[in-house]
Amino acid sequence: MEDYQKRVLVEQKELAKKIVALCIFITDFDKVKSLNDNEFNLLRTQLDRMLDYERILQMRLFQIDSD
């Protein structure tokens, strides 16, 4: 595996951990109730974009493996 491939894999794994942490946060009622609607919506949008980004990294990894 090339160095850049290893970096993509590390980046994807780190992002996956952040996605889990954000999911845990936004499903914790006690924490979420302190947010206003705009803040909560921004976090949901952030999560959506993080998931998009993770899918892109996974596609890059898949393409790397299929070469």
N, C-alpha and C. Protein backbone atom coordinates (compact mmCIF):
# COMPACT_ATOMS: atom_id res chain seq x y z
N MET A 1 0.85 -1.18 0.00
CA MET A 1 0.00 0.00 0.00
C MET A 1 0.89 1.24 0.00
N GLU A 2 0.58 2.16 -0.89
CA GLU A 2 1.35 3.41 -1.00
C GLU A 2 1.10 4.31 0.21
N ASP A 3 2.02 5.25 0.45
CA ASP A 3 1.89 6.17 1.58
C ASP A 3 0.60 6.98 1.50
N TYR A 4 0.26 7.48 0.31
CA TYR A 4 -0.95 8.29 0.20
C TYR A 4 -2.20 7.45 0.48
N GLN A 5 -2.14 6.16 0.16
CA GLN A 5 -3.26 5.27 0.43
C GLN A 5 -3.43 5.08 1.95
N LYS A 6 -2.31 4.95 2.62
CA LYS A 6 -2.35 4.83 4.07
C LYS A 6 -2.93 6.08 4.71
N ARG A 7 -2.58 7.26 4.14
CA ARG A 7 -3.11 8.52 4.68
C ARG A 7 -4.62 8.61 4.49
N VAL A 8 -5.11 8.16 3.35
CA VAL A 8 -6.57 8.17 3.11
C VAL A 8 -7.25 7.26 4.12
N LEU A 9 -6.69 6.10 4.37
CA LEU A 9 -7.27 5.16 5.32
C LEU A 9 -7.27 5.75 6.73
N VAL A 10 -6.18 6.37 7.14
CA VAL A 10 -6.11 7.00 8.46
C VAL A 10 -7.14 8.12 8.56
N GLU A 11 -7.24 8.94 7.53
CA GLU A 11 -8.20 10.04 7.52
C GLU A 11 -9.63 9.51 7.63
N GLN A 12 -9.94 8.45 6.92
CA GLN A 12 -11.28 7.88 6.96
C GLN A 12 -11.59 7.33 8.35
N LYS A 13 -10.64 6.67 8.97
CA LYS A 13 -10.85 6.12 10.32
C LYS A 13 -11.04 7.23 11.35
N GLU A 14 -10.26 8.30 11.25
CA GLU A 14 -10.40 9.43 12.18
C GLU A 14 -11.76 10.10 11.99
N LEU A 15 -12.16 10.27 10.75
CA LEU A 15 -13.46 10.87 10.46
C LEU A 15 -14.58 10.00 11.00
N ALA A 16 -14.47 8.70 10.86
CA ALA A 16 -15.50 7.78 11.36
C ALA A 16 -15.67 7.94 12.88
N LYS A 17 -14.58 8.12 13.61
CA LYS A 17 -14.66 8.34 15.06
C LYS A 17 -15.39 9.65 15.37
N LYS A 18 -15.12 10.69 14.60
CA LYS A 18 -15.78 11.98 14.81
C LYS A 18 -17.26 11.89 14.49
N ILE A 19 -17.60 11.11 13.48
CA ILE A 19 -19.01 10.92 13.12
C ILE A 19 -19.75 10.23 14.27
N VAL A 20 -19.14 9.21 14.84
CA VAL A 20 -19.76 8.50 15.96
C VAL A 20 -19.95 9.46 17.14
N ALA A 21 -18.94 10.26 17.43
CA ALA A 21 -19.03 11.20 18.55
C ALA A 21 -20.15 12.22 18.32
N LEU A 22 -20.27 12.72 17.11
CA LEU A 22 -21.31 13.69 16.82
C LEU A 22 -22.69 13.04 16.89
N CYS A 23 -22.81 11.83 16.39
CA CYS A 23 -24.09 11.10 16.48
C CYS A 23 -24.50 10.91 17.94
N ILE A 24 -23.55 10.52 18.76
CA ILE A 24 -23.83 10.34 20.19
C ILE A 24 -24.29 11.66 20.81
N PHE A 25 -23.62 12.74 20.46
CA PHE A 25 -23.97 14.05 21.01
C PHE A 25 -25.37 14.47 20.62
N ILE A 26 -25.69 14.38 19.33
CA ILE A 26 -26.99 14.91 18.89
C ILE A 26 -28.16 13.99 19.25
N THR A 27 -27.88 12.81 19.75
CA THR A 27 -28.96 11.95 20.21
C THR A 27 -29.07 11.94 21.74
N ASP A 28 -28.25 12.73 22.40
CA ASP A 28 -28.30 12.87 23.86
C ASP A 28 -29.25 14.01 24.20
N PHE A 29 -30.44 13.67 24.64
CA PHE A 29 -31.47 14.67 24.88
C PHE A 29 -31.00 15.76 25.84
N ASP A 30 -30.31 15.39 26.92
CA ASP A 30 -29.87 16.38 27.90
C ASP A 30 -28.92 17.41 27.29
N LYS A 31 -28.10 16.99 26.35
CA LYS A 31 -27.18 17.93 25.70
C LYS A 31 -27.89 18.74 24.62
N VAL A 32 -28.74 18.10 23.87
CA VAL A 32 -29.41 18.75 22.75
C VAL A 32 -30.41 19.80 23.22
N LYS A 33 -31.05 19.56 24.36
CA LYS A 33 -32.07 20.51 24.82
C LYS A 33 -31.49 21.89 25.12
N SER A 34 -30.18 21.97 25.32
CA SER A 34 -29.55 23.27 25.58
C SER A 34 -29.25 24.03 24.29
N LEU A 35 -29.43 23.38 23.14
CA LEU A 35 -29.15 24.03 21.85
C LEU A 35 -30.41 24.69 21.32
N ASN A 36 -30.22 25.81 20.63
CA ASN A 36 -31.37 26.37 19.93
C ASN A 36 -31.54 25.63 18.60
N ASP A 37 -32.65 25.87 17.95
CA ASP A 37 -32.95 25.14 16.71
C ASP A 37 -31.89 25.33 15.65
N ASN A 38 -31.38 26.55 15.53
CA ASN A 38 -30.36 26.82 14.52
C ASN A 38 -29.09 26.03 14.80
N GLU A 39 -28.65 26.00 16.04
CA GLU A 39 -27.44 25.24 16.39
C GLU A 39 -27.63 23.75 16.10
N PHE A 40 -28.80 23.23 16.45
CA PHE A 40 -29.06 21.82 16.20
C PHE A 40 -29.08 21.53 14.70
N ASN A 41 -29.71 22.38 13.94
CA ASN A 41 -29.76 22.20 12.49
C ASN A 41 -28.38 22.27 11.86
N LEU A 42 -27.54 23.15 12.38
CA LEU A 42 -26.17 23.23 11.88
C LEU A 42 -25.40 21.94 12.18
N LEU A 43 -25.60 21.39 13.35
CA LEU A 43 -24.94 20.12 13.69
C LEU A 43 -25.43 19.00 12.79
N ARG A 44 -26.72 18.97 12.50
CA ARG A 44 -27.26 17.95 11.59
C ARG A 44 -26.66 18.11 10.19
N THR A 45 -26.55 19.36 9.74
CA THR A 45 -25.95 19.63 8.43
C THR A 45 -24.48 19.20 8.43
N GLN A 46 -23.79 19.50 9.52
CA GLN A 46 -22.39 19.10 9.64
C GLN A 46 -22.27 17.58 9.56
N LEU A 47 -23.14 16.88 10.26
CA LEU A 47 -23.12 15.42 10.22
C LEU A 47 -23.36 14.91 8.80
N ASP A 48 -24.32 15.49 8.12
CA ASP A 48 -24.60 15.08 6.74
C ASP A 48 -23.37 15.26 5.86
N ARG A 49 -22.68 16.37 6.00
CA ARG A 49 -21.48 16.63 5.19
C ARG A 49 -20.34 15.70 5.55
N MET A 50 -20.22 15.40 6.85
CA MET A 50 -19.19 14.46 7.28
C MET A 50 -19.44 13.08 6.69
N LEU A 51 -20.71 12.67 6.65
CA LEU A 51 -21.05 11.38 6.07
C LEU A 51 -20.77 11.37 4.57
N ASP A 52 -21.05 12.48 3.90
CA ASP A 52 -20.72 12.58 2.47
C ASP A 52 -19.21 12.44 2.27
N TYR A 53 -18.46 13.14 3.09
CA TYR A 53 -17.00 13.11 3.00
C TYR A 53 -16.48 11.70 3.25
N GLU A 54 -17.05 11.03 4.26
CA GLU A 54 -16.60 9.67 4.55
C GLU A 54 -16.89 8.74 3.37
N ARG A 55 -18.05 8.89 2.73
CA ARG A 55 -18.37 8.07 1.56
C ARG A 55 -17.37 8.29 0.43
N ILE A 56 -16.96 9.54 0.26
CA ILE A 56 -15.97 9.85 -0.77
C ILE A 56 -14.64 9.17 -0.45
N LEU A 57 -14.23 9.24 0.79
CA LEU A 57 -12.98 8.59 1.18
C LEU A 57 -13.09 7.07 0.98
N GLN A 58 -14.22 6.50 1.33
CA GLN A 58 -14.41 5.07 1.12
C GLN A 58 -14.37 4.71 -0.36
N MET A 59 -14.98 5.54 -1.20
CA MET A 59 -14.92 5.29 -2.64
C MET A 59 -13.49 5.36 -3.13
N ARG A 60 -12.72 6.32 -2.62
CA ARG A 60 -11.31 6.40 -3.01
C ARG A 60 -10.57 5.14 -2.59
N LEU A 61 -10.85 4.65 -1.40
CA LEU A 61 -10.19 3.43 -0.93
C LEU A 61 -10.60 2.24 -1.78
N PHE A 62 -11.87 2.16 -2.13
CA PHE A 62 -12.33 1.06 -2.96
C PHE A 62 -11.66 1.11 -4.32
N GLN A 63 -11.58 2.30 -4.90
CA GLN A 63 -10.93 2.43 -6.21
C GLN A 63 -9.45 2.07 -6.12
N ILE A 64 -8.81 2.44 -5.02
CA ILE A 64 -7.40 2.12 -4.84
C ILE A 64 -7.23 0.60 -4.82
N ASP A 65 -8.14 -0.10 -4.08
CA ASP A 65 -8.03 -1.55 -3.96
C ASP A 65 -8.33 -2.25 -5.27
N SER A 66 -9.16 -1.64 -6.14
CA SER A 66 -9.53 -2.32 -7.38
C SER A 66 -8.55 -2.07 -8.50
N ASP A 67 -7.55 -1.22 -8.28
CA ASP A 67 -6.56 -0.94 -9.33
C ASP A 67 -5.60 -2.10 -9.52
